[in-house]
PDB file of all heavy atoms in Angstrom:
ATOM      1  N   GLU A   1       0.817  -1.214  -0.019  1.00  0.00           N
ATOM      2  CA  GLU A   1      -0.003   0.030   0.001  1.00  0.00           C
ATOM      3  C   GLU A   1       0.866   1.273  -0.004  1.00  0.00           C
ATOM      4  O   GLU A   1       0.316   2.392  -0.084  1.00  0.00           O
ATOM      5  CB  GLU A   1      -0.944  -0.001   1.218  1.00  0.00           C
ATOM      6  CG  GLU A   1      -1.994  -1.068   1.095  1.00  0.00           C
ATOM      7  CD  GLU A   1      -2.912  -1.092   2.288  1.00  0.00           C
ATOM      8  OE1 GLU A   1      -2.850  -0.196   3.169  1.00  0.00           O
ATOM      9  OE2 GLU A   1      -3.780  -2.046   2.406  1.00  0.00           O
ATOM     10  N   ARG A   2       2.153   1.103   0.059  1.00  0.00           N
ATOM     11  CA  ARG A   2       3.022   2.259   0.087  1.00  0.00           C
ATOM     12  C   ARG A   2       3.145   2.908  -1.253  1.00  0.00           C
ATOM     13  O   ARG A   2       3.583   4.072  -1.420  1.00  0.00           O
ATOM     14  CB  ARG A   2       4.410   1.878   0.636  1.00  0.00           C
ATOM     15  CG  ARG A   2       4.412   1.592   2.149  1.00  0.00           C
ATOM     16  CD  ARG A   2       5.776   1.317   2.651  1.00  0.00           C
ATOM     17  NE  ARG A   2       5.824   0.947   4.048  1.00  0.00           N
ATOM     18  CZ  ARG A   2       5.973   1.818   5.044  1.00  0.00           C
ATOM     19  NH1 ARG A   2       6.025   3.149   4.825  1.00  0.00           N
ATOM     20  NH2 ARG A   2       6.006   1.397   6.304  1.00  0.00           N
ATOM     21  N   LEU A   3       2.795   2.148  -2.314  1.00  0.00           N
ATOM     22  CA  LEU A   3       2.777   2.682  -3.692  1.00  0.00           C
ATOM     23  C   LEU A   3       1.347   3.147  -4.018  1.00  0.00           C
ATOM     24  O   LEU A   3       0.405   2.342  -3.982  1.00  0.00           O
ATOM     25  CB  LEU A   3       3.235   1.611  -4.686  1.00  0.00           C
ATOM     26  CG  LEU A   3       3.001   1.925  -6.189  1.00  0.00           C
ATOM     27  CD1 LEU A   3       3.904   3.136  -6.627  1.00  0.00           C
ATOM     28  CD2 LEU A   3       3.322   0.714  -6.990  1.00  0.00           C
ATOM     29  N   ILE A   4       1.199   4.458  -4.300  1.00  0.00           N
ATOM     30  CA  ILE A   4      -0.149   5.009  -4.701  1.00  0.00           C
ATOM     31  C   ILE A   4      -0.072   5.347  -6.157  1.00  0.00           C
ATOM     32  O   ILE A   4       0.828   6.071  -6.581  1.00  0.00           O
ATOM     33  CB  ILE A   4      -0.445   6.236  -3.851  1.00  0.00           C
ATOM     34  CG1 ILE A   4      -0.448   5.877  -2.329  1.00  0.00           C
ATOM     35  CG2 ILE A   4      -1.790   6.789  -4.257  1.00  0.00           C
ATOM     36  CD1 ILE A   4      -0.649   7.022  -1.419  1.00  0.00           C
ATOM     37  N   PHE A   5      -1.006   4.828  -6.921  1.00  0.00           N
ATOM     38  CA  PHE A   5      -1.043   5.128  -8.366  1.00  0.00           C
ATOM     39  C   PHE A   5      -1.952   6.359  -8.578  1.00  0.00           C
ATOM     40  O   PHE A   5      -3.059   6.392  -8.137  1.00  0.00           O
ATOM     41  CB  PHE A   5      -1.590   3.930  -9.119  1.00  0.00           C
ATOM     42  CG  PHE A   5      -1.663   4.167 -10.631  1.00  0.00           C
ATOM     43  CD1 PHE A   5      -0.472   4.155 -11.420  1.00  0.00           C
ATOM     44  CD2 PHE A   5      -2.854   4.362 -11.265  1.00  0.00           C
ATOM     45  CE1 PHE A   5      -0.542   4.386 -12.777  1.00  0.00           C
ATOM     46  CE2 PHE A   5      -2.909   4.566 -12.611  1.00  0.00           C
ATOM     47  CZ  PHE A   5      -1.769   4.546 -13.378  1.00  0.00           C
ATOM     48  N   ALA A   6      -1.371   7.310  -9.354  1.00  0.00           N
ATOM     49  CA  ALA A   6      -2.149   8.532  -9.688  1.00  0.00           C
ATOM     50  C   ALA A   6      -3.032   8.232 -10.883  1.00  0.00           C
ATOM     51  O   ALA A   6      -2.585   8.100 -12.004  1.00  0.00           O
ATOM     52  CB  ALA A   6      -1.150   9.674 -10.029  1.00  0.00           C
ATOM     53  N   LEU A   7      -4.314   8.204 -10.637  1.00  0.00           N
ATOM     54  CA  LEU A   7      -5.292   7.849 -11.664  1.00  0.00           C
ATOM     55  C   LEU A   7      -5.659   9.141 -12.400  1.00  0.00           C
ATOM     56  O   LEU A   7      -6.824   9.555 -12.424  1.00  0.00           O
ATOM     57  CB  LEU A   7      -6.502   7.217 -10.988  1.00  0.00           C
ATOM     58  CG  LEU A   7      -7.383   6.241 -11.813  1.00  0.00           C
ATOM     59  CD1 LEU A   7      -6.521   5.165 -12.416  1.00  0.00           C
ATOM     60  CD2 LEU A   7      -8.418   5.583 -10.884  1.00  0.00           C
ATOM     61  N   ASP A   8      -4.635   9.702 -13.109  1.00  0.00           N
ATOM     62  CA  ASP A   8      -4.816  10.953 -13.855  1.00  0.00           C
ATOM     63  C   ASP A   8      -5.195  10.655 -15.284  1.00  0.00           C
ATOM     64  O   ASP A   8      -4.327  10.639 -16.109  1.00  0.00           O
ATOM     65  CB  ASP A   8      -3.558  11.796 -13.743  1.00  0.00           C
ATOM     66  CG  ASP A   8      -3.198  12.222 -12.353  1.00  0.00           C
ATOM     67  OD1 ASP A   8      -4.175  12.348 -11.521  1.00  0.00           O
ATOM     68  OD2 ASP A   8      -2.027  12.372 -11.995  1.00  0.00           O
ATOM     69  N   VAL A   9      -6.437  10.440 -15.519  1.00  0.00           N
ATOM     70  CA  VAL A   9      -6.957  10.071 -16.844  1.00  0.00           C
ATOM     71  C   VAL A   9      -8.221  10.892 -17.113  1.00  0.00           C
ATOM     72  O   VAL A   9      -8.921  11.416 -16.166  1.00  0.00           O
ATOM     73  CB  VAL A   9      -7.247   8.608 -16.973  1.00  0.00           C
ATOM     74  CG1 VAL A   9      -5.947   7.776 -16.855  1.00  0.00           C
ATOM     75  CG2 VAL A   9      -8.221   8.097 -15.895  1.00  0.00           C
ATOM     76  N   PRO A  10      -8.623  11.046 -18.359  1.00  0.00           N
ATOM     77  CA  PRO A  10      -9.727  11.994 -18.689  1.00  0.00           C
ATOM     78  C   PRO A  10     -11.156  11.506 -18.498  1.00  0.00           C
ATOM     79  O   PRO A  10     -12.090  12.263 -18.567  1.00  0.00           O
ATOM     80  CB  PRO A  10      -9.454  12.284 -20.154  1.00  0.00           C
ATOM     81  CG  PRO A  10      -8.754  11.189 -20.718  1.00  0.00           C
ATOM     82  CD  PRO A  10      -7.898  10.628 -19.588  1.00  0.00           C
ATOM     83  N   THR A  11     -11.363  10.133 -18.373  1.00  0.00           N
ATOM     84  CA  THR A  11     -12.723   9.636 -18.258  1.00  0.00           C
ATOM     85  C   THR A  11     -12.770   8.566 -17.190  1.00  0.00           C
ATOM     86  O   THR A  11     -11.805   7.896 -16.886  1.00  0.00           O
ATOM     87  CB  THR A  11     -13.190   9.040 -19.559  1.00  0.00           C
ATOM     88  OG1 THR A  11     -12.450   7.808 -19.849  1.00  0.00           O
ATOM     89  CG2 THR A  11     -13.093   9.971 -20.738  1.00  0.00           C
ATOM     90  N   ARG A  12     -13.980   8.389 -16.609  1.00  0.00           N
ATOM     91  CA  ARG A  12     -14.148   7.385 -15.620  1.00  0.00           C
ATOM     92  C   ARG A  12     -13.951   5.965 -16.285  1.00  0.00           C
ATOM     93  O   ARG A  12     -13.405   5.077 -15.632  1.00  0.00           O
ATOM     94  CB  ARG A  12     -15.529   7.462 -15.019  1.00  0.00           C
ATOM     95  CG  ARG A  12     -15.806   6.358 -13.999  1.00  0.00           C
ATOM     96  CD  ARG A  12     -17.163   6.431 -13.348  1.00  0.00           C
ATOM     97  NE  ARG A  12     -17.370   5.214 -12.524  1.00  0.00           N
ATOM     98  CZ  ARG A  12     -18.534   4.875 -12.027  1.00  0.00           C
ATOM     99  NH1 ARG A  12     -19.588   5.717 -12.134  1.00  0.00           N
ATOM    100  NH2 ARG A  12     -18.657   3.759 -11.339  1.00  0.00           N
ATOM    101  N   ASP A  13     -14.413   5.818 -17.493  1.00  0.00           N
ATOM    102  CA  ASP A  13     -14.237   4.488 -18.173  1.00  0.00           C
ATOM    103  C   ASP A  13     -12.788   4.148 -18.263  1.00  0.00           C
ATOM    104  O   ASP A  13     -12.413   2.968 -18.019  1.00  0.00           O
ATOM    105  CB  ASP A  13     -14.869   4.575 -19.563  1.00  0.00           C
ATOM    106  CG  ASP A  13     -14.795   3.235 -20.281  1.00  0.00           C
ATOM    107  OD1 ASP A  13     -15.308   2.259 -19.832  1.00  0.00           O
ATOM    108  OD2 ASP A  13     -14.096   3.266 -21.373  1.00  0.00           O
ATOM    109  N   GLU A  14     -11.913   5.105 -18.638  1.00  0.00           N
ATOM    110  CA  GLU A  14     -10.489   4.853 -18.725  1.00  0.00           C
ATOM    111  C   GLU A  14      -9.905   4.558 -17.334  1.00  0.00           C
ATOM    112  O   GLU A  14      -9.031   3.727 -17.217  1.00  0.00           O
ATOM    113  CB  GLU A  14      -9.795   6.023 -19.382  1.00  0.00           C
ATOM    114  CG  GLU A  14      -8.313   5.744 -19.727  1.00  0.00           C
ATOM    115  CD  GLU A  14      -7.682   6.855 -20.549  1.00  0.00           C
ATOM    116  OE1 GLU A  14      -8.412   7.739 -21.063  1.00  0.00           O
ATOM    117  OE2 GLU A  14      -6.418   6.852 -20.585  1.00  0.00           O
ATOM    118  N   ALA A  15     -10.448   5.284 -16.311  1.00  0.00           N
ATOM    119  CA  ALA A  15      -9.955   5.007 -14.943  1.00  0.00           C
ATOM    120  C   ALA A  15     -10.204   3.542 -14.577  1.00  0.00           C
ATOM    121  O   ALA A  15      -9.334   2.886 -14.034  1.00  0.00           O
ATOM    122  CB  ALA A  15     -10.627   5.971 -13.993  1.00  0.00           C
ATOM    123  N   GLU A  16     -11.443   3.106 -14.848  1.00  0.00           N
ATOM    124  CA  GLU A  16     -11.747   1.737 -14.448  1.00  0.00           C
ATOM    125  C   GLU A  16     -10.938   0.719 -15.210  1.00  0.00           C
ATOM    126  O   GLU A  16     -10.492  -0.342 -14.710  1.00  0.00           O
ATOM    127  CB  GLU A  16     -13.231   1.495 -14.681  1.00  0.00           C
ATOM    128  CG  GLU A  16     -14.105   2.285 -13.703  1.00  0.00           C
ATOM    129  CD  GLU A  16     -15.602   2.009 -13.850  1.00  0.00           C
ATOM    130  OE1 GLU A  16     -15.951   1.181 -14.716  1.00  0.00           O
ATOM    131  OE2 GLU A  16     -16.424   2.585 -13.109  1.00  0.00           O
ATOM    132  N   LYS A  17     -10.648   1.021 -16.498  1.00  0.00           N
ATOM    133  CA  LYS A  17      -9.811   0.110 -17.323  1.00  0.00           C
ATOM    134  C   LYS A  17      -8.377  -0.003 -16.751  1.00  0.00           C
ATOM    135  O   LYS A  17      -7.785  -1.033 -16.730  1.00  0.00           O
ATOM    136  CB  LYS A  17      -9.761   0.591 -18.768  1.00  0.00           C
ATOM    137  CG  LYS A  17     -11.065   0.313 -19.486  1.00  0.00           C
ATOM    138  CD  LYS A  17     -10.975   0.824 -20.986  1.00  0.00           C
ATOM    139  CE  LYS A  17     -12.305   0.524 -21.749  1.00  0.00           C
ATOM    140  NZ  LYS A  17     -12.297   1.111 -23.083  1.00  0.00           N
ATOM    141  N   TRP A  18      -7.879   1.153 -16.233  1.00  0.00           N
ATOM    142  CA  TRP A  18      -6.544   1.155 -15.653  1.00  0.00           C
ATOM    143  C   TRP A  18      -6.530   0.311 -14.422  1.00  0.00           C
ATOM    144  O   TRP A  18      -5.592  -0.456 -14.097  1.00  0.00           O
ATOM    145  CB  TRP A  18      -6.072   2.565 -15.320  1.00  0.00           C
ATOM    146  CG  TRP A  18      -5.310   3.160 -16.452  1.00  0.00           C
ATOM    147  CD1 TRP A  18      -5.686   4.150 -17.316  1.00  0.00           C
ATOM    148  CD2 TRP A  18      -3.979   2.779 -16.907  1.00  0.00           C
ATOM    149  NE1 TRP A  18      -4.716   4.418 -18.245  1.00  0.00           N
ATOM    150  CE2 TRP A  18      -3.665   3.600 -18.034  1.00  0.00           C
ATOM    151  CE3 TRP A  18      -3.008   1.879 -16.418  1.00  0.00           C
ATOM    152  CZ2 TRP A  18      -2.408   3.454 -18.649  1.00  0.00           C
ATOM    153  CZ3 TRP A  18      -1.829   1.726 -17.095  1.00  0.00           C
ATOM    154  CH2 TRP A  18      -1.533   2.537 -18.175  1.00  0.00           C
ATOM    155  N   VAL A  19      -7.573   0.404 -13.565  1.00  0.00           N
ATOM    156  CA  VAL A  19      -7.605  -0.418 -12.364  1.00  0.00           C
ATOM    157  C   VAL A  19      -7.651  -1.882 -12.698  1.00  0.00           C
ATOM    158  O   VAL A  19      -6.986  -2.708 -12.049  1.00  0.00           O
ATOM    159  CB  VAL A  19      -8.814   0.028 -11.521  1.00  0.00           C
ATOM    160  CG1 VAL A  19      -8.965  -0.886 -10.288  1.00  0.00           C
ATOM    161  CG2 VAL A  19      -8.719   1.458 -11.081  1.00  0.00           C
ATOM    162  N   GLU A  20      -8.491  -2.199 -13.689  1.00  0.00           N
ATOM    163  CA  GLU A  20      -8.532  -3.636 -14.132  1.00  0.00           C
ATOM    164  C   GLU A  20      -7.181  -4.057 -14.700  1.00  0.00           C
ATOM    165  O   GLU A  20      -6.765  -5.215 -14.420  1.00  0.00           O
ATOM    166  CB  GLU A  20      -9.663  -3.797 -15.126  1.00  0.00           C
ATOM    167  CG  GLU A  20     -11.034  -3.436 -14.651  1.00  0.00           C
ATOM    168  CD  GLU A  20     -11.590  -4.411 -13.655  1.00  0.00           C
ATOM    169  OE1 GLU A  20     -10.907  -5.446 -13.348  1.00  0.00           O
ATOM    170  OE2 GLU A  20     -12.757  -4.224 -13.181  1.00  0.00           O
ATOM    171  N   ARG A  21      -6.568  -3.201 -15.441  1.00  0.00           N
ATOM    172  CA  ARG A  21      -5.268  -3.551 -16.083  1.00  0.00           C
ATOM    173  C   ARG A  21      -4.229  -3.762 -15.063  1.00  0.00           C
ATOM    174  O   ARG A  21      -3.392  -4.725 -15.175  1.00  0.00           O
ATOM    175  CB  ARG A  21      -4.887  -2.410 -17.012  1.00  0.00           C
ATOM    176  CG  ARG A  21      -3.602  -2.664 -17.818  1.00  0.00           C
ATOM    177  CD  ARG A  21      -3.364  -1.423 -18.693  1.00  0.00           C
ATOM    178  NE  ARG A  21      -4.453  -1.192 -19.608  1.00  0.00           N
ATOM    179  CZ  ARG A  21      -4.734   0.007 -20.202  1.00  0.00           C
ATOM    180  NH1 ARG A  21      -3.976   1.054 -19.879  1.00  0.00           N
ATOM    181  NH2 ARG A  21      -5.723   0.108 -20.949  1.00  0.00           N
ATOM    182  N   LEU A  22      -4.205  -2.968 -14.023  1.00  0.00           N
ATOM    183  CA  LEU A  22      -3.147  -3.069 -13.026  1.00  0.00           C
ATOM    184  C   LEU A  22      -3.393  -4.166 -11.960  1.00  0.00           C
ATOM    185  O   LEU A  22      -2.480  -4.700 -11.376  1.00  0.00           O
ATOM    186  CB  LEU A  22      -2.931  -1.719 -12.282  1.00  0.00           C
ATOM    187  CG  LEU A  22      -2.364  -0.593 -13.184  1.00  0.00           C
ATOM    188  CD1 LEU A  22      -2.497   0.716 -12.405  1.00  0.00           C
ATOM    189  CD2 LEU A  22      -0.938  -0.891 -13.556  1.00  0.00           C
ATOM    190  N   GLY A  23      -4.619  -4.538 -11.806  1.00  0.00           N
ATOM    191  CA  GLY A  23      -4.983  -5.706 -10.980  1.00  0.00           C
ATOM    192  C   GLY A  23      -4.426  -5.567  -9.576  1.00  0.00           C
ATOM    193  O   GLY A  23      -4.533  -4.518  -8.937  1.00  0.00           O
ATOM    194  N   ASP A  24      -3.888  -6.659  -9.080  1.00  0.00           N
ATOM    195  CA  ASP A  24      -3.380  -6.627  -7.700  1.00  0.00           C
ATOM    196  C   ASP A  24      -1.968  -6.034  -7.553  1.00  0.00           C
ATOM    197  O   ASP A  24      -1.384  -6.022  -6.513  1.00  0.00           O
ATOM    198  CB  ASP A  24      -3.402  -8.046  -7.088  1.00  0.00           C
ATOM    199  CG  ASP A  24      -2.530  -9.034  -7.856  1.00  0.00           C
ATOM    200  OD1 ASP A  24      -1.865  -8.635  -8.790  1.00  0.00           O
ATOM    201  OD2 ASP A  24      -2.618 -10.253  -7.521  1.00  0.00           O
ATOM    202  N   SER A  25      -1.471  -5.493  -8.648  1.00  0.00           N
ATOM    203  CA  SER A  25      -0.131  -4.798  -8.553  1.00  0.00           C
ATOM    204  C   SER A  25      -0.278  -3.458  -7.852  1.00  0.00           C
ATOM    205  O   SER A  25       0.737  -2.905  -7.403  1.00  0.00           O
ATOM    206  CB  SER A  25       0.516  -4.622  -9.945  1.00  0.00           C
ATOM    207  OG  SER A  25      -0.222  -3.714 -10.711  1.00  0.00           O
ATOM    208  N   VAL A  26      -1.468  -2.882  -7.805  1.00  0.00           N
ATOM    209  CA  VAL A  26      -1.723  -1.623  -7.139  1.00  0.00           C
ATOM    210  C   VAL A  26      -2.933  -1.773  -6.206  1.00  0.00           C
ATOM    211  O   VAL A  26      -3.967  -2.262  -6.611  1.00  0.00           O
ATOM    212  CB  VAL A  26      -1.965  -0.503  -8.163  1.00  0.00           C
ATOM    213  CG1 VAL A  26      -2.392   0.810  -7.439  1.00  0.00           C
ATOM    214  CG2 VAL A  26      -0.734  -0.283  -9.040  1.00  0.00           C
ATOM    215  N   GLN A  27      -2.726  -1.337  -4.947  1.00  0.00           N
ATOM    216  CA  GLN A  27      -3.818  -1.363  -3.965  1.00  0.00           C
ATOM    217  C   GLN A  27      -4.405  -0.023  -3.619  1.00  0.00           C
ATOM    218  O   GLN A  27      -5.460   0.052  -2.960  1.00  0.00           O
ATOM    219  CB  GLN A  27      -3.282  -2.075  -2.712  1.00  0.00           C
ATOM    220  CG  GLN A  27      -2.740  -3.452  -2.882  1.00  0.00           C
ATOM    221  CD  GLN A  27      -3.770  -4.425  -3.433  1.00  0.00           C
ATOM    222  OE1 GLN A  27      -4.913  -4.434  -3.090  1.00  0.00           O
ATOM    223  NE2 GLN A  27      -3.357  -5.281  -4.337  1.00  0.00           N
ATOM    224  N   PHE A  28      -3.679   1.064  -3.983  1.00  0.00           N
ATOM    225  CA  PHE A  28      -4.000   2.374  -3.474  1.00  0.00           C
ATOM    226  C   PHE A  28      -4.057   3.360  -4.673  1.00  0.00           C
ATOM    227  O   PHE A  28      -3.095   3.369  -5.476  1.00  0.00           O
ATOM    228  CB  PHE A  28      -2.965   2.825  -2.462  1.00  0.00           C
ATOM    229  CG  PHE A  28      -3.369   3.728  -1.379  1.00  0.00           C
ATOM    230  CD1 PHE A  28      -2.813   3.704  -0.150  1.00  0.00           C
ATOM    231  CD2 PHE A  28      -4.432   4.681  -1.577  1.00  0.00           C
ATOM    232  CE1 PHE A  28      -3.178   4.526   0.901  1.00  0.00           C
ATOM    233  CE2 PHE A  28      -4.818   5.514  -0.580  1.00  0.00           C
ATOM    234  CZ  PHE A  28      -4.177   5.450   0.694  1.00  0.00           C
ATOM    235  N   TYR A  29      -5.102   4.113  -4.767  1.00  0.00           N
ATOM    236  CA  TYR A  29      -5.274   5.015  -5.899  1.00  0.00           C
ATOM    237  C   TYR A  29      -5.467   6.460  -5.469  1.00  0.00           C
ATOM    238  O   TYR A  29      -6.243   6.759  -4.532  1.00  0.00           O
ATOM    239  CB  TYR A  29      -6.474   4.609  -6.769  1.00  0.00           C
ATOM    240  CG  TYR A  29      -6.166   3.348  -7.598  1.00  0.00           C
ATOM    241  CD1 TYR A  29      -6.376   2.113  -7.058  1.00  0.00           C
ATOM    242  CD2 TYR A  29      -5.581   3.432  -8.869  1.00  0.00           C
ATOM    243  CE1 TYR A  29      -6.063   0.949  -7.740  1.00  0.00           C
ATOM    244  CE2 TYR A  29      -5.289   2.321  -9.560  1.00  0.00           C
ATOM    245  CZ  TYR A  29      -5.512   1.078  -9.046  1.00  0.00           C
ATOM    246  OH  TYR A  29      -5.167  -0.054  -9.726  1.00  0.00           O
ATOM    247  N   LYS A  30      -4.864   7.376  -6.158  1.00  0.00           N
ATOM    248  CA  LYS A  30      -5.035   8.866  -5.987  1.00  0.00           C
ATOM    249  C   LYS A  30      -5.961   9.343  -7.055  1.00  0.00           C
ATOM    250  O   LYS A  30      -5.744   9.172  -8.230  1.00  0.00           O
ATOM    251  CB  LYS A  30      -3.687   9.586  -6.030  1.00  0.00           C
ATOM    252  CG  LYS A  30      -3.829  11.067  -5.824  1.00  0.00           C
ATOM    253  CD  LYS A  30      -2.480  11.790  -5.919  1.00  0.00           C
ATOM    254  CE  LYS A  30      -2.127  12.082  -7.412  1.00  0.00           C
ATOM    255  NZ  LYS A  30      -2.920  13.186  -8.016  1.00  0.00           N
ATOM    256  N   LEU A  31      -6.976  10.048  -6.619  1.00  0.00           N
ATOM    257  CA  LEU A  31      -8.002  10.636  -7.599  1.00  0.00           C
ATOM    258  C   LEU A  31      -7.837  12.175  -7.525  1.00  0.00           C
ATOM    259  O   LEU A  31      -8.154  12.823  -6.470  1.00  0.00           O
ATOM    260  CB  LEU A  31      -9.402  10.245  -7.222  1.00  0.00           C
ATOM    261  CG  LEU A  31      -9.688   8.735  -7.109  1.00  0.00           C
ATOM    262  CD1 LEU A  31     -11.150   8.504  -6.831  1.00  0.00           C
ATOM    263  CD2 LEU A  31      -9.198   8.013  -8.357  1.00  0.00           C
ATOM    264  N   GLY A  32      -7.351  12.743  -8.561  1.00  0.00           N
ATOM    265  CA  GLY A  32      -7.095  14.191  -8.606  1.00  0.00           C
ATOM    266  C   GLY A  32      -8.104  15.023  -9.406  1.00  0.00           C
ATOM    267  O   GLY A  32      -9.261  14.522  -9.669  1.00  0.00           O
ATOM    268  N   LEU A  33      -7.701  16.183  -9.823  1.00  0.00           N
ATOM    269  CA  LEU A  33      -8.623  17.118 -10.506  1.00  0.00           C
ATOM    270  C   LEU A  33      -9.095  16.635 -11.887  1.00  0.00           C
ATOM    271  O   LEU A  33     -10.219  16.909 -12.243  1.00  0.00           O
ATOM    272  CB  LEU A  33      -7.971  18.479 -10.575  1.00  0.00           C
ATOM    273  CG  LEU A  33      -7.825  19.235  -9.261  1.00  0.00           C
ATOM    274  CD1 LEU A  33      -6.909  20.447  -9.449  1.00  0.00           C
ATOM    275  CD2 LEU A  33      -9.185  19.628  -8.724  1.00  0.00           C
ATOM    276  N   GLU A  34      -8.185  16.010 -12.641  1.00  0.00           N
ATOM    277  CA  GLU A  34      -8.555  15.623 -13.994  1.00  0.00           C
ATOM    278  C   GLU A  34      -9.715  14.655 -13.977  1.00  0.00           C
ATOM    279  O   GLU A  34     -10.749  14.802 -14.668  1.00  0.00           O
ATOM    280  CB  GLU A  34      -7.406  15.027 -14.725  1.00  0.00           C
ATOM    281  CG  GLU A  34      -7.724  14.613 -16.180  1.00  0.00           C
ATOM    282  CD  GLU A  34      -6.557  14.084 -16.994  1.00  0.00           C
ATOM    283  OE1 GLU A  34      -5.495  13.863 -16.334  1.00  0.00           O
ATOM    284  OE2 GLU A  34      -6.680  13.920 -18.187  1.00  0.00           O
ATOM    285  N   ILE A  35      -9.585  13.607 -13.145  1.00  0.00           N
ATOM    286  CA  ILE A  35     -10.678  12.617 -13.057  1.00  0.00           C
ATOM    287  C   ILE A  35     -11.892  13.203 -12.373  1.00  0.00           C
ATOM    288  O   ILE A  35     -13.077  12.829 -12.700  1.00  0.00           O
ATOM    289  CB  ILE A  35     -10.261  11.286 -12.444  1.00  0.00           C
ATOM    290  CG1 ILE A  35     -11.237  10.134 -12.645  1.00  0.00           C
ATOM    291  CG2 ILE A  35      -9.936  11.473 -10.906  1.00  0.00           C
ATOM    292  CD1 ILE A  35     -11.478   9.772 -14.078  1.00  0.00           C
ATOM    293  N   PHE A  36     -11.733  14.167 -11.490  1.00  0.00           N
ATOM    294  CA  PHE A  36     -12.852  14.835 -10.863  1.00  0.00           C
ATOM    295  C   PHE A  36     -13.728  15.575 -11.903  1.00  0.00           C
ATOM    296  O   PHE A  36     -14.941  15.455 -11.882  1.00  0.00           O
ATOM    297  CB  PHE A  36     -12.352  15.849  -9.801  1.00  0.00           C
ATOM    298  CG  PHE A  36     -13.425  16.688  -9.201  1.00  0.00           C
ATOM    299  CD1 PHE A  36     -14.191  16.180  -8.210  1.00  0.00           C
ATOM    300  CD2 PHE A  36     -13.673  17.975  -9.633  1.00  0.00           C
ATOM    301  CE1 PHE A  36     -15.194  16.947  -7.589  1.00  0.00           C
ATOM    302  CE2 PHE A  36     -14.636  18.757  -9.087  1.00  0.00           C
ATOM    303  CZ  PHE A  36     -15.450  18.224  -8.031  1.00  0.00           C
ATOM    304  N   MET A  37     -13.045  16.240 -12.878  1.00  0.00           N
ATOM    305  CA  MET A  37     -13.785  16.932 -13.892  1.00  0.00           C
ATOM    306  C   MET A  37     -14.430  16.035 -14.921  1.00  0.00           C
ATOM    307  O   MET A  37     -15.278  16.452 -15.730  1.00  0.00           O
ATOM    308  CB  MET A  37     -12.833  17.943 -14.602  1.00  0.00           C
ATOM    309  CG  MET A  37     -12.340  19.095 -13.732  1.00  0.00           C
ATOM    310  SD  MET A  37     -13.662  20.016 -13.005  1.00  0.00           S
ATOM    311  CE  MET A  37     -14.456  20.636 -14.464  1.00  0.00           C
ATOM    312  N   ALA A  38     -14.040  14.799 -14.931  1.00  0.00           N
ATOM    313  CA  ALA A  38     -14.631  13.843 -15.847  1.00  0.00           C
ATOM    314  C   ALA A  38     -16.058  13.446 -15.507  1.00  0.00           C
ATOM    315  O   ALA A  38     -16.821  12.928 -16.353  1.00  0.00           O
ATOM    316  CB  ALA A  38     -13.821  12.530 -15.967  1.00  0.00           C
TER     317      ALA A  38
END
């Protein structure tokens, strides 16, 4: 959990694809302004 992945992508669909793509290699996600505006 010490590695946080920055989910800086333009759409929620792309965000979910990244989470599925990374699988159990990432447990912690940062949600910033770009995905907020999506």
